[in-house]
Amino acid sequence: MLTRADVSAALERDQQVDALQQAGLLRSVSADLVSRYARLEPGQREAIRDALAGRRFAPLLSEQIIDDRGEA
């Protein structure tokens, strides 16, 4: 059973995701990509997750948001 804290955290996360999507900073994964990922072997999935976890973007999202606001 979910606690109030769990529900509150989930709602906050959903609001954050919605805000990022509305700002054009986040988009949903396409159905085609989900389908291709689902057909991979578990080892291949892990390799992809590891590769993505190692990626770094410049500037960082937080830096980009600050720049977009003109507060830098």
C-alpha atoms as a PDB file:
ATOM      1  CA  MET A   1       0.000   0.000   0.000  1.00  0.00           C
ATOM      2  CA  LEU A   2       1.281   3.450  -0.900  1.00  0.00           C
ATOM      3  CA  THR A   3       1.892   5.986   1.819  1.00  0.00           C
ATOM      4  CA  ARG A   4       0.923   9.646   1.546  1.00  0.00           C
ATOM      5  CA  ALA A   5       4.595  10.472   1.048  1.00  0.00           C
ATOM      6  CA  ASP A   6       4.784   8.007  -1.869  1.00  0.00           C
ATOM      7  CA  VAL A   7       1.687   9.498  -3.487  1.00  0.00           C
ATOM      8  CA  SER A   8       2.952  13.029  -2.937  1.00  0.00           C
ATOM      9  CA  ALA A   9       6.348  12.190  -4.446  1.00  0.00           C
ATOM     10  CA  ALA A  10       4.686  10.569  -7.473  1.00  0.00           C
ATOM     11  CA  LEU A  11       2.453  13.595  -8.021  1.00  0.00           C
ATOM     12  CA  GLU A  12       5.418  15.957  -7.739  1.00  0.00           C
ATOM     13  CA  ARG A  13       7.400  13.881 -10.235  1.00  0.00           C
ATOM     14  CA  ASP A  14       4.472  13.892 -12.667  1.00  0.00           C
ATOM     15  CA  GLN A  15       4.205  17.684 -12.364  1.00  0.00           C
ATOM     16  CA  GLN A  16       7.924  18.050 -13.021  1.00  0.00           C
ATOM     17  CA  VAL A  17       7.734  15.802 -16.081  1.00  0.00           C
ATOM     18  CA  ASP A  18       4.721  17.745 -17.391  1.00  0.00           C
ATOM     19  CA  ALA A  19       6.561  21.047 -16.937  1.00  0.00           C
ATOM     20  CA  LEU A  20       9.614  19.759 -18.810  1.00  0.00           C
ATOM     21  CA  GLN A  21       7.433  18.400 -21.634  1.00  0.00           C
ATOM     22  CA  GLN A  22       5.552  21.691 -21.965  1.00  0.00           C
ATOM     23  CA  ALA A  23       8.869  23.554 -22.125  1.00  0.00           C
ATOM     24  CA  GLY A  24      10.019  21.242 -24.924  1.00  0.00           C
ATOM     25  CA  LEU A  25      12.868  19.851 -22.824  1.00  0.00           C
ATOM     26  CA  LEU A  26      11.502  16.327 -22.570  1.00  0.00           C
ATOM     27  CA  ARG A  27       9.504  14.110 -24.862  1.00  0.00           C
ATOM     28  CA  SER A  28       8.023  10.643 -24.673  1.00  0.00           C
ATOM     29  CA  VAL A  29       9.805   7.651 -26.137  1.00  0.00           C
ATOM     30  CA  SER A  30       8.320   6.586 -29.460  1.00  0.00           C
ATOM     31  CA  ALA A  31       6.328   3.368 -29.709  1.00  0.00           C
ATOM     32  CA  ASP A  32       8.832   2.113 -32.307  1.00  0.00           C
ATOM     33  CA  LEU A  33      11.766   2.594 -29.952  1.00  0.00           C
ATOM     34  CA  VAL A  34       9.904   0.857 -27.117  1.00  0.00           C
ATOM     35  CA  SER A  35       9.128  -2.047 -29.445  1.00  0.00           C
ATOM     36  CA  ARG A  36      12.741  -2.384 -30.582  1.00  0.00           C
ATOM     37  CA  TYR A  37      14.008  -2.231 -26.990  1.00  0.00           C
ATOM     38  CA  ALA A  38      11.527  -4.907 -25.903  1.00  0.00           C
ATOM     39  CA  ARG A  39      12.906  -7.309 -28.529  1.00  0.00           C
ATOM     40  CA  LEU A  40      16.484  -7.046 -27.246  1.00  0.00           C
ATOM     41  CA  GLU A  41      18.148  -9.704 -25.153  1.00  0.00           C
ATOM     42  CA  PRO A  42      18.624  -8.788 -21.469  1.00  0.00           C
ATOM     43  CA  GLY A  43      22.384  -8.370 -21.955  1.00  0.00           C
ATOM     44  CA  GLN A  44      21.819  -5.990 -24.855  1.00  0.00           C
ATOM     45  CA  ARG A  45      19.371  -3.950 -22.785  1.00  0.00           C
ATOM     46  CA  GLU A  46      21.906  -3.657 -19.981  1.00  0.00           C
ATOM     47  CA  ALA A  47      24.611  -2.541 -22.427  1.00  0.00           C
ATOM     48  CA  ILE A  48      22.322   0.156 -23.801  1.00  0.00           C
ATOM     49  CA  ARG A  49      21.384   1.365 -20.305  1.00  0.00           C
ATOM     50  CA  ASP A  50      25.068   1.493 -19.340  1.00  0.00           C
ATOM     51  CA  ALA A  51      25.953   3.446 -22.474  1.00  0.00           C
ATOM     52  CA  LEU A  52      23.154   5.934 -21.872  1.00  0.00           C
ATOM     53  CA  ALA A  53      24.096   6.331 -18.208  1.00  0.00           C
ATOM     54  CA  GLY A  54      27.595   7.288 -19.281  1.00  0.00           C
ATOM     55  CA  ARG A  55      26.475  10.042 -21.641  1.00  0.00           C
ATOM     56  CA  ARG A  56      26.973  13.623 -20.568  1.00  0.00           C
ATOM     57  CA  PHE A  57      25.460  16.607 -22.280  1.00  0.00           C
ATOM     58  CA  ALA A  58      26.877  20.091 -22.411  1.00  0.00           C
ATOM     59  CA  PRO A  59      25.573  22.344 -21.199  1.00  0.00           C
ATOM     60  CA  LEU A  60      23.826  20.558 -18.359  1.00  0.00           C
ATOM     61  CA  LEU A  61      20.041  20.841 -18.358  1.00  0.00           C
ATOM     62  CA  SER A  62      20.136  23.034 -15.264  1.00  0.00           C
ATOM     63  CA  GLU A  63      22.656  25.361 -16.932  1.00  0.00           C
ATOM     64  CA  GLN A  64      20.537  25.530 -20.071  1.00  0.00           C
ATOM     65  CA  ILE A  65      17.440  26.460 -18.058  1.00  0.00           C
ATOM     66  CA  ILE A  66      19.355  29.221 -16.249  1.00  0.00           C
ATOM     67  CA  ASP A  67      20.697  30.529 -19.583  1.00  0.00           C
ATOM     68  CA  ASP A  68      17.210  30.465 -21.097  1.00  0.00           C
ATOM     69  CA  ARG A  69      15.924  32.509 -18.187  1.00  0.00           C
ATOM     70  CA  GLY A  70      18.694  35.040 -18.677  1.00  0.00           C
ATOM     71  CA  GLU A  71      19.986  34.692 -15.117  1.00  0.00           C
ATOM     72  CA  ALA A  72      23.513  33.618 -16.031  1.00  0.00           C
END
